Amino acid sequence: MTLPNFITVARFIMVPLIILAMINGEMLIAFLLFMLAGASDGLDGFIARHFNQRSELGTWLDPIADKFLLVSVFVMLGWLGVVPNWLVILAVSRDALIIGAVVLSSLLEHPVELRPLLVSKANTMFQIILLILVLADLAGLARLDGIIGWMIYAVAGLTIASASAYLVTWLRHMAGLEESD
């Protein structure tokens, strides 16, 4: 196993620890573990690129670990009543839509490879920032209510835009239309 893959597996292991810390009200620990998980994502990518340790396993594991982390923390914050349930449903539904489209196109023998879109990257960045702000607020590191309220709507808008863009891309692919970009 390459070092980047090992780091990615460690990120998988951090997720239940983050959730357990949140359940136990240890928000500073949850915040620190979330930040460590984020740093590990950057580190494994850096090592893979700069030390030629990319692998097929890593190309699958890394985005799955990222989604596992984000979805788990979103769901937990919704369960705690800190993030609106409608936003949790929106974020999780977007990911389910993308996964469902990929699986369905494969089952229909018309596989699609959805590459990350710019709006999707912005969505992920805003989701991460929102989760950092919420966890920092819950840990008592800063009072961030104002910016959190704004970020909730920014994440919602970007989530809808990202889901829509992927849906259009997938529908064009399924219809056999080529991108004209």
Protein backbone atom coordinates (compact mmCIF):
# COMPACT_ATOMS: atom_id res chain seq x y z
CA MET A 1 0.00 0.00 0.00
CA THR A 2 1.36 3.41 -0.94
CA LEU A 3 1.79 6.14 1.68
CA PRO A 4 -1.03 8.26 0.16
CA ASN A 5 -3.40 5.27 0.33
CA PHE A 6 -2.39 4.65 3.95
CA ILE A 7 -3.15 8.31 4.77
CA THR A 8 -6.51 8.02 3.01
CA VAL A 9 -7.39 4.90 5.02
CA ALA A 10 -6.44 6.81 8.18
CA ARG A 11 -8.94 9.50 7.11
CA PHE A 12 -11.64 6.83 6.89
CA ILE A 13 -10.79 5.81 10.46
CA MET A 14 -10.97 9.43 11.67
CA VAL A 15 -14.61 9.79 10.60
CA PRO A 16 -16.13 7.57 13.34
CA LEU A 17 -13.84 9.28 15.85
CA ILE A 18 -15.13 12.69 14.78
CA ILE A 19 -18.74 11.50 15.03
CA LEU A 20 -18.11 9.93 18.45
CA ALA A 21 -16.55 13.18 19.69
CA MET A 22 -19.61 15.08 18.43
CA ILE A 23 -22.00 12.64 20.11
CA ASN A 24 -20.09 13.06 23.37
CA GLY A 25 -20.14 16.85 23.08
CA GLU A 26 -16.37 17.04 22.64
CA MET A 27 -16.58 19.66 19.91
CA LEU A 28 -12.98 20.84 20.20
CA ILE A 29 -11.80 17.28 19.60
CA ALA A 30 -14.25 16.94 16.70
CA PHE A 31 -12.98 20.23 15.25
CA LEU A 32 -9.32 19.24 15.59
CA LEU A 33 -9.92 15.79 14.07
CA PHE A 34 -11.87 17.36 11.19
CA MET A 35 -8.99 19.75 10.55
CA LEU A 36 -6.52 16.84 10.72
CA ALA A 37 -8.65 14.88 8.25
CA GLY A 38 -8.64 17.88 5.92
CA ALA A 39 -4.88 18.26 6.22
CA SER A 40 -4.45 14.54 5.52
CA ASP A 41 -6.44 14.97 2.30
CA GLY A 42 -4.03 17.65 1.13
CA LEU A 43 -1.01 15.66 2.27
CA ASP A 44 -1.95 12.43 0.48
CA GLY A 45 -2.58 14.35 -2.73
CA PHE A 46 0.73 16.20 -2.43
CA ILE A 47 2.68 12.98 -1.84
CA ALA A 48 0.90 11.17 -4.67
CA ARG A 49 1.64 13.95 -7.17
CA HIS A 50 5.12 15.01 -6.13
CA PHE A 51 6.57 11.59 -5.34
CA ASN A 52 4.84 9.70 -8.15
CA GLN A 53 2.79 7.54 -5.78
CA ARG A 54 -0.51 7.75 -7.62
CA SER A 55 -2.48 4.53 -7.76
CA GLU A 56 -5.74 3.22 -9.15
CA LEU A 57 -6.84 2.39 -5.60
CA GLY A 58 -6.09 5.95 -4.51
CA THR A 59 -8.14 7.46 -7.32
CA TRP A 60 -11.15 5.60 -5.90
CA LEU A 61 -10.43 5.75 -2.17
CA ASP A 62 -9.64 9.47 -1.88
CA PRO A 63 -12.96 10.90 -3.14
CA ILE A 64 -14.89 8.22 -1.23
CA ALA A 65 -13.06 9.15 1.99
CA ASP A 66 -13.82 12.83 1.32
CA LYS A 67 -17.54 12.14 0.80
CA PHE A 68 -17.67 9.84 3.83
CA LEU A 69 -16.20 12.63 5.95
CA LEU A 70 -18.41 15.43 4.63
CA VAL A 71 -21.66 13.47 4.56
CA SER A 72 -21.10 12.01 8.03
CA VAL A 73 -20.38 15.39 9.60
CA PHE A 74 -23.29 17.02 7.76
CA VAL A 75 -25.69 14.31 8.94
CA MET A 76 -24.41 14.54 12.51
CA LEU A 77 -24.74 18.34 12.58
CA GLY A 78 -28.28 17.98 11.23
CA TRP A 79 -29.07 15.40 13.88
CA LEU A 80 -27.73 17.77 16.54
CA GLY A 81 -29.96 20.52 15.13
CA VAL A 82 -27.03 22.80 14.32
CA VAL A 83 -27.36 22.71 10.53
CA PRO A 84 -30.85 22.81 9.01
CA ASN A 85 -32.14 19.39 8.02
CA TRP A 86 -33.15 20.72 4.60
CA LEU A 87 -29.49 21.52 3.88
CA VAL A 88 -28.38 18.06 5.01
CA ILE A 89 -31.01 16.47 2.76
CA LEU A 90 -29.95 18.71 -0.14
CA ALA A 91 -26.23 17.91 0.23
CA VAL A 92 -26.75 14.15 0.66
CA SER A 93 -29.31 14.02 -2.17
CA ARG A 94 -26.85 15.70 -4.55
CA ASP A 95 -24.26 13.02 -3.84
CA ALA A 96 -26.87 10.26 -4.15
CA LEU A 97 -27.99 11.75 -7.49
CA ILE A 98 -24.43 11.67 -8.84
CA ILE A 99 -23.78 8.12 -7.65
CA GLY A 100 -27.15 6.97 -8.96
CA ALA A 101 -26.48 8.50 -12.37
CA VAL A 102 -23.10 6.78 -12.66
CA VAL A 103 -24.52 3.42 -11.58
CA LEU A 104 -27.59 3.71 -13.83
CA SER A 105 -25.55 4.65 -16.88
CA SER A 106 -23.31 1.63 -16.25
CA LEU A 107 -26.31 -0.67 -15.86
CA LEU A 108 -27.68 0.67 -19.14
CA GLU A 109 -24.31 -0.12 -20.73
CA HIS A 110 -23.65 3.55 -21.43
CA PRO A 111 -21.08 4.29 -18.70
CA VAL A 112 -20.29 7.88 -17.90
CA GLU A 113 -17.19 9.30 -16.27
CA LEU A 114 -18.25 12.46 -14.47
CA ARG A 115 -15.26 14.70 -13.97
CA PRO A 116 -15.38 17.34 -11.24
CA LEU A 117 -16.91 20.55 -12.54
CA LEU A 118 -15.82 24.00 -11.39
CA VAL A 119 -19.17 24.55 -9.65
CA SER A 120 -18.73 21.19 -7.90
CA LYS A 121 -15.28 22.17 -6.65
CA ALA A 122 -16.68 25.47 -5.37
CA ASN A 123 -19.54 23.57 -3.71
CA THR A 124 -17.14 21.21 -1.94
CA MET A 125 -14.95 24.13 -0.82
CA PHE A 126 -17.95 26.01 0.59
CA GLN A 127 -19.22 22.85 2.33
CA ILE A 128 -15.84 22.35 3.99
CA ILE A 129 -15.66 25.99 5.06
CA LEU A 130 -19.20 25.78 6.48
CA LEU A 131 -18.35 22.66 8.47
CA ILE A 132 -15.14 24.23 9.79
CA LEU A 133 -17.04 27.35 10.86
CA VAL A 134 -19.82 25.36 12.55
CA LEU A 135 -17.38 23.07 14.37
CA ALA A 136 -15.23 26.06 15.43
CA ASP A 137 -18.36 27.80 16.74
CA LEU A 138 -19.48 24.67 18.61
CA ALA A 139 -15.98 24.26 20.06
CA GLY A 140 -16.20 27.79 21.43
CA LEU A 141 -13.27 29.04 19.36
CA ALA A 142 -15.27 31.95 17.93
CA ARG A 143 -18.85 33.22 17.62
CA LEU A 144 -19.58 32.79 13.92
CA ASP A 145 -23.40 32.85 13.76
CA GLY A 146 -23.57 35.63 11.15
CA ILE A 147 -21.21 34.08 8.66
CA ILE A 148 -22.62 30.58 9.28
CA GLY A 149 -26.11 31.82 8.35
CA TRP A 150 -24.78 33.30 5.13
CA MET A 151 -22.72 30.18 4.33
CA ILE A 152 -25.75 27.91 4.75
CA TYR A 153 -27.47 29.69 1.86
CA ALA A 154 -24.29 29.84 -0.22
CA VAL A 155 -23.82 26.08 0.21
CA ALA A 156 -27.48 25.49 -0.67
CA GLY A 157 -27.19 27.54 -3.85
CA LEU A 158 -23.95 25.90 -4.92
CA THR A 159 -25.35 22.44 -4.13
CA ILE A 160 -28.37 23.07 -6.35
CA ALA A 161 -26.16 24.53 -9.11
CA SER A 162 -23.75 21.59 -8.91
CA ALA A 163 -26.50 18.97 -8.95
CA SER A 164 -28.12 20.72 -11.91
CA ALA A 165 -24.84 20.91 -13.84
CA TYR A 166 -24.13 17.21 -13.28
CA LEU A 167 -27.68 16.31 -14.25
CA VAL A 168 -27.39 18.25 -17.52
CA THR A 169 -23.99 16.66 -18.25
CA TRP A 170 -25.39 13.19 -17.54
CA LEU A 171 -28.54 13.74 -19.62
CA ARG A 172 -26.44 14.99 -22.55
CA HIS A 173 -24.23 11.91 -22.26
CA MET A 174 -27.19 9.54 -22.11
CA ALA A 175 -28.73 11.24 -25.15
CA GLY A 176 -25.44 10.80 -27.05
CA LEU A 177 -24.82 14.52 -27.37
CA GLU A 178 -21.21 15.62 -27.35
CA GLU A 179 -20.04 18.54 -25.27
CA SER A 180 -19.36 21.55 -27.47
CA ASP A 181 -16.92 23.14 -24.99
